[in-house]
């Protein structure tokens, strides 16, 4: 019987241990999402600064600049 009591005390000791410490992760950085109007305004400003007339290129550049971290 001594051996069963030894096992029981080991199991009780294992159960009584405090749970492992959980680490908290830093919150994920949210990506800035500019509004359609903000992109349009910046694209217009880019088009005024350049005379090439590349409207799609200005839009993509404005979008990229406004979403950059």
N, C-alpha and C. Protein backbone atom coordinates (compact mmCIF):
# COMPACT_ATOMS: atom_id res chain seq x y z
N UNK A 1 0.80 -1.19 0.00
CA UNK A 1 0.00 0.00 0.00
C UNK A 1 0.85 1.26 0.00
N UNK A 2 2.03 1.14 0.47
CA UNK A 2 2.89 2.32 0.52
C UNK A 2 3.16 2.84 -0.87
N UNK A 3 3.25 1.93 -1.85
CA UNK A 3 3.54 2.38 -3.20
C UNK A 3 2.35 3.14 -3.80
N UNK A 4 1.13 2.77 -3.48
CA UNK A 4 -0.03 3.50 -4.01
C UNK A 4 -0.14 4.86 -3.36
N UNK A 5 0.23 4.98 -2.12
CA UNK A 5 0.18 6.28 -1.46
C UNK A 5 1.25 7.20 -2.05
N UNK A 6 2.39 6.65 -2.40
CA UNK A 6 3.45 7.44 -3.01
C UNK A 6 3.03 7.99 -4.37
N UNK A 7 2.35 7.15 -5.16
CA UNK A 7 1.86 7.61 -6.46
C UNK A 7 0.78 8.65 -6.31
N UNK A 8 -0.08 8.45 -5.32
CA UNK A 8 -1.17 9.40 -5.10
C UNK A 8 -0.63 10.76 -4.69
N UNK A 9 0.38 10.77 -3.84
CA UNK A 9 0.93 12.05 -3.41
C UNK A 9 1.65 12.75 -4.56
N UNK A 10 2.29 11.97 -5.44
CA UNK A 10 2.94 12.57 -6.61
C UNK A 10 1.90 13.19 -7.55
N UNK A 11 0.80 12.47 -7.76
CA UNK A 11 -0.26 13.00 -8.62
C UNK A 11 -0.89 14.25 -8.03
N UNK A 12 -1.10 14.25 -6.72
CA UNK A 12 -1.69 15.40 -6.05
C UNK A 12 -0.75 16.60 -6.16
N UNK A 13 0.55 16.35 -6.02
CA UNK A 13 1.52 17.43 -6.13
C UNK A 13 1.55 17.99 -7.55
N UNK A 14 1.42 17.12 -8.53
CA UNK A 14 1.45 17.56 -9.93
C UNK A 14 0.21 18.38 -10.24
N UNK A 15 -0.93 18.01 -9.68
CA UNK A 15 -2.17 18.74 -9.94
C UNK A 15 -2.20 20.08 -9.22
N UNK A 16 -1.53 20.18 -8.10
CA UNK A 16 -1.59 21.41 -7.32
C UNK A 16 -0.65 22.50 -7.84
N UNK A 17 0.18 22.17 -8.81
CA UNK A 17 1.09 23.19 -9.36
C UNK A 17 0.28 24.28 -10.05
N UNK A 18 0.77 25.46 -9.96
CA UNK A 18 0.11 26.59 -10.61
C UNK A 18 0.16 26.39 -12.13
N UNK A 19 -0.87 26.82 -12.82
CA UNK A 19 -0.86 26.67 -14.28
C UNK A 19 0.29 27.48 -14.89
N UNK A 20 0.72 27.04 -16.05
CA UNK A 20 1.81 27.72 -16.74
C UNK A 20 1.42 29.17 -17.00
N UNK A 21 2.39 30.04 -16.87
CA UNK A 21 2.14 31.46 -17.08
C UNK A 21 1.90 31.71 -18.56
N UNK A 22 0.80 32.35 -18.85
CA UNK A 22 0.51 32.66 -20.25
C UNK A 22 1.04 34.04 -20.56
N UNK A 23 1.75 34.13 -21.65
CA UNK A 23 2.27 35.43 -22.06
C UNK A 23 1.23 36.12 -22.93
N UNK A 24 1.15 37.39 -22.78
CA UNK A 24 0.23 38.14 -23.62
C UNK A 24 0.99 38.69 -24.80
N UNK A 25 0.39 38.55 -25.95
CA UNK A 25 1.03 39.06 -27.16
C UNK A 25 0.66 40.51 -27.36
N UNK A 26 1.57 41.23 -27.93
CA UNK A 26 1.28 42.62 -28.25
C UNK A 26 0.19 42.64 -29.31
N UNK A 27 -0.70 43.62 -29.24
CA UNK A 27 -1.76 43.67 -30.24
C UNK A 27 -1.18 43.87 -31.64
N UNK A 28 -1.79 43.22 -32.59
CA UNK A 28 -1.31 43.33 -33.97
C UNK A 28 -1.52 44.76 -34.45
N UNK A 29 -0.56 45.23 -35.21
CA UNK A 29 -0.70 46.57 -35.75
C UNK A 29 -1.74 46.55 -36.86
N UNK A 30 -2.63 47.47 -36.76
CA UNK A 30 -3.64 47.55 -37.80
C UNK A 30 -3.12 48.40 -38.93
N UNK A 31 -3.39 47.94 -40.09
CA UNK A 31 -2.96 48.65 -41.28
C UNK A 31 -3.88 49.84 -41.51
N UNK A 32 -3.29 50.98 -41.81
CA UNK A 32 -4.10 52.16 -42.09
C UNK A 32 -4.87 51.93 -43.37
N UNK A 33 -6.14 52.20 -43.32
CA UNK A 33 -6.98 52.07 -44.50
C UNK A 33 -7.54 53.44 -44.81
N UNK A 34 -6.98 54.11 -45.81
CA UNK A 34 -7.47 55.45 -46.15
C UNK A 34 -8.83 55.36 -46.85
N UNK A 35 -9.58 56.42 -46.73
CA UNK A 35 -10.87 56.47 -47.40
C UNK A 35 -10.66 56.71 -48.89
N UNK A 36 -11.69 56.42 -49.64
CA UNK A 36 -11.67 56.64 -51.09
C UNK A 36 -11.40 58.12 -51.38
N UNK A 37 -12.04 58.97 -50.60
CA UNK A 37 -11.88 60.42 -50.79
C UNK A 37 -10.45 60.87 -50.51
N UNK A 38 -9.82 60.30 -49.48
CA UNK A 38 -8.44 60.68 -49.15
C UNK A 38 -7.49 60.27 -50.27
N UNK A 39 -7.70 59.08 -50.83
CA UNK A 39 -6.86 58.63 -51.94
C UNK A 39 -7.08 59.52 -53.16
N UNK A 40 -8.34 59.82 -53.44
CA UNK A 40 -8.66 60.67 -54.60
C UNK A 40 -8.02 62.04 -54.47
N UNK A 41 -8.09 62.62 -53.28
CA UNK A 41 -7.51 63.95 -53.06
C UNK A 41 -5.99 63.92 -53.26
N UNK A 42 -5.35 62.90 -52.71
CA UNK A 42 -3.89 62.81 -52.84
C UNK A 42 -3.49 62.53 -54.29
N UNK A 43 -4.26 61.69 -54.97
CA UNK A 43 -3.99 61.41 -56.38
C UNK A 43 -4.13 62.68 -57.21
N UNK A 44 -5.12 63.49 -56.88
CA UNK A 44 -5.31 64.76 -57.59
C UNK A 44 -4.11 65.68 -57.35
N UNK A 45 -3.65 65.74 -56.11
CA UNK A 45 -2.48 66.56 -55.81
C UNK A 45 -1.25 66.08 -56.58
N UNK A 46 -1.10 64.76 -56.70
CA UNK A 46 0.02 64.21 -57.47
C UNK A 46 -0.12 64.56 -58.94
N UNK A 47 -1.33 64.52 -59.46
CA UNK A 47 -1.53 64.83 -60.88
C UNK A 47 -1.26 66.30 -61.17
N UNK A 48 -1.53 67.16 -60.19
CA UNK A 48 -1.25 68.59 -60.38
C UNK A 48 0.25 68.85 -60.38
N UNK A 49 0.99 68.03 -59.66
CA UNK A 49 2.44 68.21 -59.58
C UNK A 49 3.17 67.63 -60.79
N UNK A 50 2.52 66.70 -61.50
CA UNK A 50 3.14 66.05 -62.66
C UNK A 50 2.27 66.30 -63.89
N UNK A 51 2.89 66.40 -65.01
CA UNK A 51 2.15 66.67 -66.24
C UNK A 51 2.01 65.43 -67.12
N UNK A 52 2.29 64.26 -66.60
CA UNK A 52 2.28 63.07 -67.45
C UNK A 52 0.88 62.52 -67.71
N UNK A 53 -0.12 62.86 -66.90
CA UNK A 53 -1.48 62.42 -67.14
C UNK A 53 -1.74 60.96 -66.83
N UNK A 54 -0.90 60.33 -66.03
CA UNK A 54 -1.06 58.93 -65.69
C UNK A 54 -1.97 58.82 -64.46
N UNK A 55 -3.28 58.84 -64.70
CA UNK A 55 -4.24 58.88 -63.60
C UNK A 55 -4.20 57.61 -62.74
N UNK A 56 -4.08 56.46 -63.39
CA UNK A 56 -4.01 55.20 -62.65
C UNK A 56 -2.73 55.15 -61.83
N UNK A 57 -1.63 55.57 -62.41
CA UNK A 57 -0.35 55.60 -61.70
C UNK A 57 -0.40 56.52 -60.50
N UNK A 58 -1.05 57.68 -60.66
CA UNK A 58 -1.18 58.61 -59.54
C UNK A 58 -2.05 58.01 -58.44
N UNK A 59 -3.12 57.32 -58.84
CA UNK A 59 -3.99 56.69 -57.85
C UNK A 59 -3.22 55.63 -57.06
N UNK A 60 -2.48 54.78 -57.78
CA UNK A 60 -1.74 53.72 -57.10
C UNK A 60 -0.64 54.28 -56.22
N UNK A 61 0.00 55.34 -56.67
CA UNK A 61 1.03 55.98 -55.85
C UNK A 61 0.42 56.58 -54.60
N UNK A 62 -0.71 57.27 -54.76
CA UNK A 62 -1.39 57.88 -53.61
C UNK A 62 -1.82 56.82 -52.61
N UNK A 63 -2.38 55.74 -53.13
CA UNK A 63 -2.83 54.64 -52.26
C UNK A 63 -1.65 54.04 -51.50
N UNK A 64 -0.55 53.84 -52.20
CA UNK A 64 0.64 53.27 -51.57
C UNK A 64 1.21 54.19 -50.50
N UNK A 65 1.23 55.47 -50.78
CA UNK A 65 1.79 56.42 -49.81
C UNK A 65 0.89 56.54 -48.57
N UNK A 66 -0.41 56.47 -48.76
CA UNK A 66 -1.32 56.62 -47.64
C UNK A 66 -1.44 55.35 -46.79
N UNK A 67 -1.10 54.19 -47.35
CA UNK A 67 -1.19 52.95 -46.57
C UNK A 67 0.15 52.52 -46.00
N UNK A 68 1.22 53.21 -46.34
CA UNK A 68 2.55 52.84 -45.84
C UNK A 68 2.59 52.99 -44.31
N UNK A 69 3.28 52.08 -43.63
CA UNK A 69 3.35 52.15 -42.16
C UNK A 69 4.15 53.32 -41.66
